[in-house]
């Protein structure tokens, strides 16, 4: 799988779409994240992914994962973090799903 989408339901009931794509790393960073016009959220996305990868038994660093959101969540929202982790794991083949994924839940 080279691209996946994971949805997350925000506190106001709206949804956000997290897209992850995988490509050869070729000397680039292992993960690149961006949120619509919000560098702080992009940095938090990257931190969440890197911390979650520490829980994996094995990590293959040959690919770069590029993760983006269709819009930036509100400042107090955290439910999107699970969607980011699941998108990263789905695109790398670490986790599998039989159908579309909707992440509902945050992390601490």
N, C-alpha and C. Protein backbone atom coordinates (compact mmCIF):
# COMPACT_ATOMS: atom_id res chain seq x y z
N UNK A 1 0.84 -1.18 0.00
CA UNK A 1 0.00 0.00 0.00
C UNK A 1 0.89 1.24 0.00
N UNK A 2 0.68 2.15 -0.92
CA UNK A 2 1.49 3.35 -0.99
C UNK A 2 0.79 4.58 -0.46
N UNK A 3 -0.53 4.53 -0.27
CA UNK A 3 -1.28 5.67 0.27
C UNK A 3 -2.50 5.15 1.01
N UNK A 4 -2.79 5.77 2.14
CA UNK A 4 -3.98 5.41 2.93
C UNK A 4 -4.64 6.67 3.46
N UNK A 5 -5.91 6.54 3.80
CA UNK A 5 -6.65 7.62 4.46
C UNK A 5 -7.29 7.06 5.72
N UNK A 6 -7.20 7.84 6.79
CA UNK A 6 -7.86 7.50 8.06
C UNK A 6 -8.63 8.72 8.50
N UNK A 7 -9.87 8.51 8.89
CA UNK A 7 -10.70 9.62 9.37
C UNK A 7 -10.69 9.65 10.89
N UNK A 8 -10.88 10.84 11.42
CA UNK A 8 -11.01 11.01 12.87
C UNK A 8 -12.18 11.94 13.12
N UNK A 9 -12.96 11.61 14.13
CA UNK A 9 -14.11 12.43 14.50
C UNK A 9 -13.66 13.39 15.59
N UNK A 10 -13.86 14.68 15.35
CA UNK A 10 -13.46 15.70 16.31
C UNK A 10 -14.57 15.95 17.33
N UNK A 11 -14.27 16.73 18.34
CA UNK A 11 -15.21 17.00 19.42
C UNK A 11 -16.51 17.64 18.98
N UNK A 12 -16.47 18.42 17.91
CA UNK A 12 -17.69 19.08 17.44
C UNK A 12 -18.51 18.20 16.49
N UNK A 13 -18.07 16.95 16.29
CA UNK A 13 -18.79 16.02 15.43
C UNK A 13 -18.32 16.03 13.98
N UNK A 14 -17.50 16.99 13.59
CA UNK A 14 -16.97 17.01 12.23
C UNK A 14 -15.84 16.00 12.11
N UNK A 15 -15.45 15.70 10.89
CA UNK A 15 -14.37 14.74 10.72
C UNK A 15 -13.18 15.40 10.01
N UNK A 16 -12.05 14.80 10.22
CA UNK A 16 -10.81 15.24 9.61
C UNK A 16 -10.21 14.03 8.91
N UNK A 17 -9.57 14.24 7.77
CA UNK A 17 -8.97 13.14 7.01
C UNK A 17 -7.45 13.23 7.10
N UNK A 18 -6.84 12.15 7.56
CA UNK A 18 -5.39 12.04 7.63
C UNK A 18 -4.95 11.15 6.48
N UNK A 19 -4.05 11.64 5.65
CA UNK A 19 -3.53 10.88 4.52
C UNK A 19 -2.06 10.58 4.75
N UNK A 20 -1.68 9.33 4.51
CA UNK A 20 -0.28 8.94 4.63
C UNK A 20 0.15 8.28 3.33
N UNK A 21 1.32 8.68 2.84
CA UNK A 21 1.91 8.06 1.66
C UNK A 21 3.32 7.60 2.00
N UNK A 22 3.73 6.56 1.31
CA UNK A 22 5.06 5.99 1.54
C UNK A 22 5.87 6.11 0.26
N UNK A 23 7.14 6.47 0.41
CA UNK A 23 8.03 6.56 -0.74
C UNK A 23 9.44 6.21 -0.28
N UNK A 24 10.33 5.89 -1.23
CA UNK A 24 11.71 5.59 -0.83
C UNK A 24 12.31 6.77 -0.07
N UNK A 25 13.03 6.46 0.97
CA UNK A 25 13.57 7.51 1.84
C UNK A 25 14.63 8.36 1.14
N UNK A 26 15.55 7.76 0.46
CA UNK A 26 16.57 8.45 -0.33
C UNK A 26 17.23 9.61 0.42
N UNK A 27 17.64 9.36 1.66
CA UNK A 27 18.35 10.37 2.42
C UNK A 27 17.47 11.42 3.09
N UNK A 28 16.16 11.30 2.93
CA UNK A 28 15.24 12.26 3.56
C UNK A 28 14.88 11.81 4.97
N UNK A 29 14.18 12.67 5.69
CA UNK A 29 13.71 12.34 7.04
C UNK A 29 12.79 11.12 6.99
N UNK A 30 12.72 10.36 8.09
CA UNK A 30 11.89 9.15 8.11
C UNK A 30 10.39 9.46 8.07
N UNK A 31 10.01 10.61 8.59
CA UNK A 31 8.60 11.00 8.57
C UNK A 31 8.51 12.52 8.37
N UNK A 32 7.56 12.92 7.52
CA UNK A 32 7.33 14.33 7.24
C UNK A 32 5.84 14.57 7.43
N UNK A 33 5.50 15.60 8.19
CA UNK A 33 4.10 15.85 8.51
C UNK A 33 3.71 17.29 8.23
N UNK A 34 2.47 17.48 7.81
CA UNK A 34 1.98 18.83 7.60
C UNK A 34 0.48 18.88 7.87
N UNK A 35 0.07 19.98 8.44
CA UNK A 35 -1.35 20.26 8.66
C UNK A 35 -1.64 21.60 8.01
N UNK A 36 -2.79 21.74 7.49
CA UNK A 36 -3.17 22.93 6.75
C UNK A 36 -2.85 24.22 7.51
N UNK A 37 -1.83 24.94 7.05
CA UNK A 37 -1.42 26.25 7.58
C UNK A 37 -1.15 26.25 9.09
N UNK A 38 -0.64 25.15 9.63
CA UNK A 38 -0.36 25.11 11.07
C UNK A 38 0.90 24.30 11.33
N UNK A 39 2.03 24.97 11.40
CA UNK A 39 3.32 24.29 11.59
C UNK A 39 3.41 23.59 12.93
N UNK A 40 2.76 24.13 13.96
CA UNK A 40 2.81 23.52 15.30
C UNK A 40 2.10 22.16 15.29
N UNK A 41 0.99 22.05 14.60
CA UNK A 41 0.28 20.77 14.51
C UNK A 41 1.14 19.78 13.72
N UNK A 42 1.78 20.24 12.65
CA UNK A 42 2.68 19.37 11.89
C UNK A 42 3.81 18.82 12.75
N UNK A 43 4.37 19.66 13.59
CA UNK A 43 5.44 19.23 14.50
C UNK A 43 4.91 18.22 15.52
N UNK A 44 3.70 18.45 16.02
CA UNK A 44 3.09 17.52 16.98
C UNK A 44 2.79 16.18 16.30
N UNK A 45 2.32 16.21 15.06
CA UNK A 45 2.07 14.98 14.31
C UNK A 45 3.35 14.16 14.22
N UNK A 46 4.44 14.80 13.88
CA UNK A 46 5.73 14.12 13.75
C UNK A 46 6.16 13.52 15.09
N UNK A 47 5.98 14.27 16.16
CA UNK A 47 6.34 13.78 17.50
C UNK A 47 5.50 12.55 17.87
N UNK A 48 4.20 12.61 17.61
CA UNK A 48 3.31 11.50 17.93
C UNK A 48 3.72 10.24 17.18
N UNK A 49 4.02 10.38 15.88
CA UNK A 49 4.42 9.22 15.07
C UNK A 49 5.73 8.64 15.59
N UNK A 50 6.70 9.47 15.85
CA UNK A 50 7.99 8.96 16.30
C UNK A 50 7.89 8.28 17.67
N UNK A 51 7.09 8.85 18.56
CA UNK A 51 6.89 8.20 19.87
C UNK A 51 6.17 6.86 19.71
N UNK A 52 5.17 6.80 18.86
CA UNK A 52 4.43 5.55 18.64
C UNK A 52 5.33 4.48 18.04
N UNK A 53 6.26 4.87 17.19
CA UNK A 53 7.16 3.89 16.57
C UNK A 53 8.07 3.23 17.60
N UNK A 54 8.30 3.88 18.73
CA UNK A 54 9.12 3.27 19.78
C UNK A 54 8.43 2.06 20.40
N UNK A 55 7.13 1.93 20.23
CA UNK A 55 6.40 0.79 20.79
C UNK A 55 6.41 -0.42 19.86
N UNK A 56 6.96 -0.26 18.65
CA UNK A 56 7.00 -1.36 17.68
C UNK A 56 8.23 -2.22 17.91
N UNK A 57 8.07 -3.52 17.72
CA UNK A 57 9.18 -4.46 17.93
C UNK A 57 10.30 -4.24 16.92
N UNK A 58 9.95 -3.84 15.71
CA UNK A 58 10.95 -3.66 14.66
C UNK A 58 10.55 -2.46 13.81
N UNK A 59 11.53 -1.67 13.40
CA UNK A 59 11.25 -0.50 12.56
C UNK A 59 12.14 -0.54 11.33
N UNK A 60 11.54 -0.41 10.17
CA UNK A 60 12.27 -0.39 8.89
C UNK A 60 12.36 1.05 8.42
N UNK A 61 13.55 1.60 8.37
CA UNK A 61 13.73 3.02 8.05
C UNK A 61 14.05 3.27 6.57
N UNK A 62 13.81 2.28 5.69
CA UNK A 62 14.13 2.48 4.28
C UNK A 62 13.14 3.39 3.56
N UNK A 63 11.94 3.56 4.12
CA UNK A 63 10.92 4.38 3.48
C UNK A 63 10.68 5.66 4.26
N UNK A 64 10.23 6.68 3.55
CA UNK A 64 9.77 7.91 4.19
C UNK A 64 8.25 7.88 4.16
N UNK A 65 7.63 8.28 5.25
CA UNK A 65 6.18 8.40 5.31
C UNK A 65 5.84 9.89 5.38
N UNK A 66 4.98 10.32 4.47
CA UNK A 66 4.52 11.70 4.43
C UNK A 66 3.07 11.71 4.89
N UNK A 67 2.79 12.44 5.96
CA UNK A 67 1.45 12.46 6.56
C UNK A 67 0.90 13.88 6.51
N UNK A 68 -0.35 13.99 6.10
CA UNK A 68 -0.99 15.31 6.06
C UNK A 68 -2.43 15.21 6.51
N UNK A 69 -2.99 16.36 6.87
CA UNK A 69 -4.40 16.47 7.26
C UNK A 69 -5.09 17.42 6.30
N UNK A 70 -6.38 17.18 6.07
CA UNK A 70 -7.10 18.06 5.15
C UNK A 70 -7.39 19.42 5.77
N UNK A 71 -7.35 19.51 7.09
CA UNK A 71 -7.49 20.79 7.78
C UNK A 71 -6.91 20.65 9.18
N UNK A 72 -6.54 21.75 9.77
CA UNK A 72 -5.96 21.71 11.12
C UNK A 72 -7.07 21.58 12.16
N UNK A 73 -6.89 20.70 13.13
CA UNK A 73 -7.87 20.58 14.21
C UNK A 73 -7.76 21.75 15.18
N UNK A 74 -8.74 21.90 16.04
CA UNK A 74 -8.70 22.93 17.07
C UNK A 74 -7.55 22.68 18.04
N UNK A 75 -7.14 23.73 18.72
CA UNK A 75 -6.00 23.65 19.61
C UNK A 75 -6.13 22.65 20.74
N UNK A 76 -7.33 22.41 21.24
CA UNK A 76 -7.51 21.49 22.36
C UNK A 76 -7.85 20.07 21.90
N UNK A 77 -8.02 19.86 20.60
CA UNK A 77 -8.35 18.54 20.06
C UNK A 77 -7.14 17.62 20.13
N UNK A 78 -7.36 16.35 20.49
CA UNK A 78 -6.27 15.38 20.48
C UNK A 78 -6.70 14.05 19.87
N UNK A 79 -7.97 13.91 19.50
CA UNK A 79 -8.43 12.64 18.95
C UNK A 79 -7.75 12.30 17.62
N UNK A 80 -7.28 13.29 16.91
CA UNK A 80 -6.61 13.07 15.63
C UNK A 80 -5.29 12.33 15.77
N UNK A 81 -4.70 12.32 16.96
CA UNK A 81 -3.41 11.67 17.16
C UNK A 81 -3.46 10.18 16.85
N UNK A 82 -4.54 9.53 17.26
CA UNK A 82 -4.70 8.10 16.97
C UNK A 82 -4.80 7.88 15.46
N UNK A 83 -5.50 8.75 14.76
CA UNK A 83 -5.61 8.63 13.30
C UNK A 83 -4.24 8.75 12.63
N UNK A 84 -3.40 9.62 13.13
CA UNK A 84 -2.05 9.80 12.57
C UNK A 84 -1.23 8.52 12.78
N UNK A 85 -1.28 7.95 13.96
CA UNK A 85 -0.54 6.72 14.26
C UNK A 85 -1.04 5.57 13.40
N UNK A 86 -2.36 5.43 13.29
CA UNK A 86 -2.90 4.34 12.48
C UNK A 86 -2.58 4.50 11.01
N UNK A 87 -2.62 5.72 10.50
CA UNK A 87 -2.28 5.96 9.09
C UNK A 87 -0.82 5.58 8.84
N UNK A 88 0.07 5.96 9.75
CA UNK A 88 1.49 5.61 9.62
C UNK A 88 1.67 4.10 9.59
N UNK A 89 1.00 3.40 10.49
CA UNK A 89 1.15 1.95 10.57
C UNK A 89 0.50 1.23 9.38
N UNK A 90 -0.63 1.75 8.92
CA UNK A 90 -1.28 1.15 7.75
C UNK A 90 -0.42 1.26 6.51
N UNK A 91 0.12 2.44 6.24
CA UNK A 91 0.88 2.65 5.01
C UNK A 91 2.19 1.87 5.02
N UNK A 92 2.73 1.61 6.19
CA UNK A 92 3.97 0.82 6.29
C UNK A 92 3.69 -0.68 6.38
N UNK A 93 2.42 -1.09 6.49
CA UNK A 93 2.08 -2.50 6.57
C UNK A 93 2.26 -3.11 7.94
N UNK A 94 2.41 -2.27 8.96
CA UNK A 94 2.59 -2.75 10.34
C UNK A 94 1.24 -3.16 10.94
N UNK A 95 0.18 -2.53 10.49
CA UNK A 95 -1.17 -2.82 10.97
C UNK A 95 -2.07 -2.93 9.75
N UNK A 96 -3.07 -3.80 9.81
CA UNK A 96 -3.96 -4.03 8.67
C UNK A 96 -5.41 -3.84 9.08
N UNK A 97 -6.20 -3.39 8.14
CA UNK A 97 -7.63 -3.19 8.37
C UNK A 97 -8.39 -3.77 7.19
N UNK A 98 -9.53 -4.37 7.48
CA UNK A 98 -10.35 -4.97 6.41
C UNK A 98 -11.14 -3.92 5.65
N UNK A 99 -11.30 -2.74 6.21
CA UNK A 99 -12.09 -1.71 5.55
C UNK A 99 -11.63 -0.32 5.95
N UNK A 100 -12.45 0.69 5.65
CA UNK A 100 -12.09 2.06 6.02
C UNK A 100 -11.90 2.20 7.53
N UNK A 101 -10.98 3.07 7.91
CA UNK A 101 -10.66 3.24 9.33
C UNK A 101 -11.14 4.61 9.80
N UNK A 102 -11.90 4.62 10.92
CA UNK A 102 -12.30 5.84 11.59
C UNK A 102 -11.76 5.76 13.01
N UNK A 103 -10.83 6.62 13.32
CA UNK A 103 -10.20 6.63 14.64
C UNK A 103 -11.01 7.51 15.57
N UNK A 104 -11.46 6.93 16.66
CA UNK A 104 -12.21 7.70 17.66
C UNK A 104 -11.55 7.48 19.01
N UNK A 105 -10.76 8.41 19.42
CA UNK A 105 -10.10 8.29 20.70
C UNK A 105 -8.77 9.01 20.68
N UNK A 106 -8.39 9.51 21.81
CA UNK A 106 -7.14 10.26 21.92
C UNK A 106 -6.06 9.43 22.56
N UNK A 107 -4.97 10.08 22.88
CA UNK A 107 -3.86 9.43 23.55
C UNK A 107 -3.38 10.34 24.67
N UNK A 108 -2.69 9.77 25.62
CA UNK A 108 -2.14 10.54 26.73
C UNK A 108 -0.64 10.46 26.74
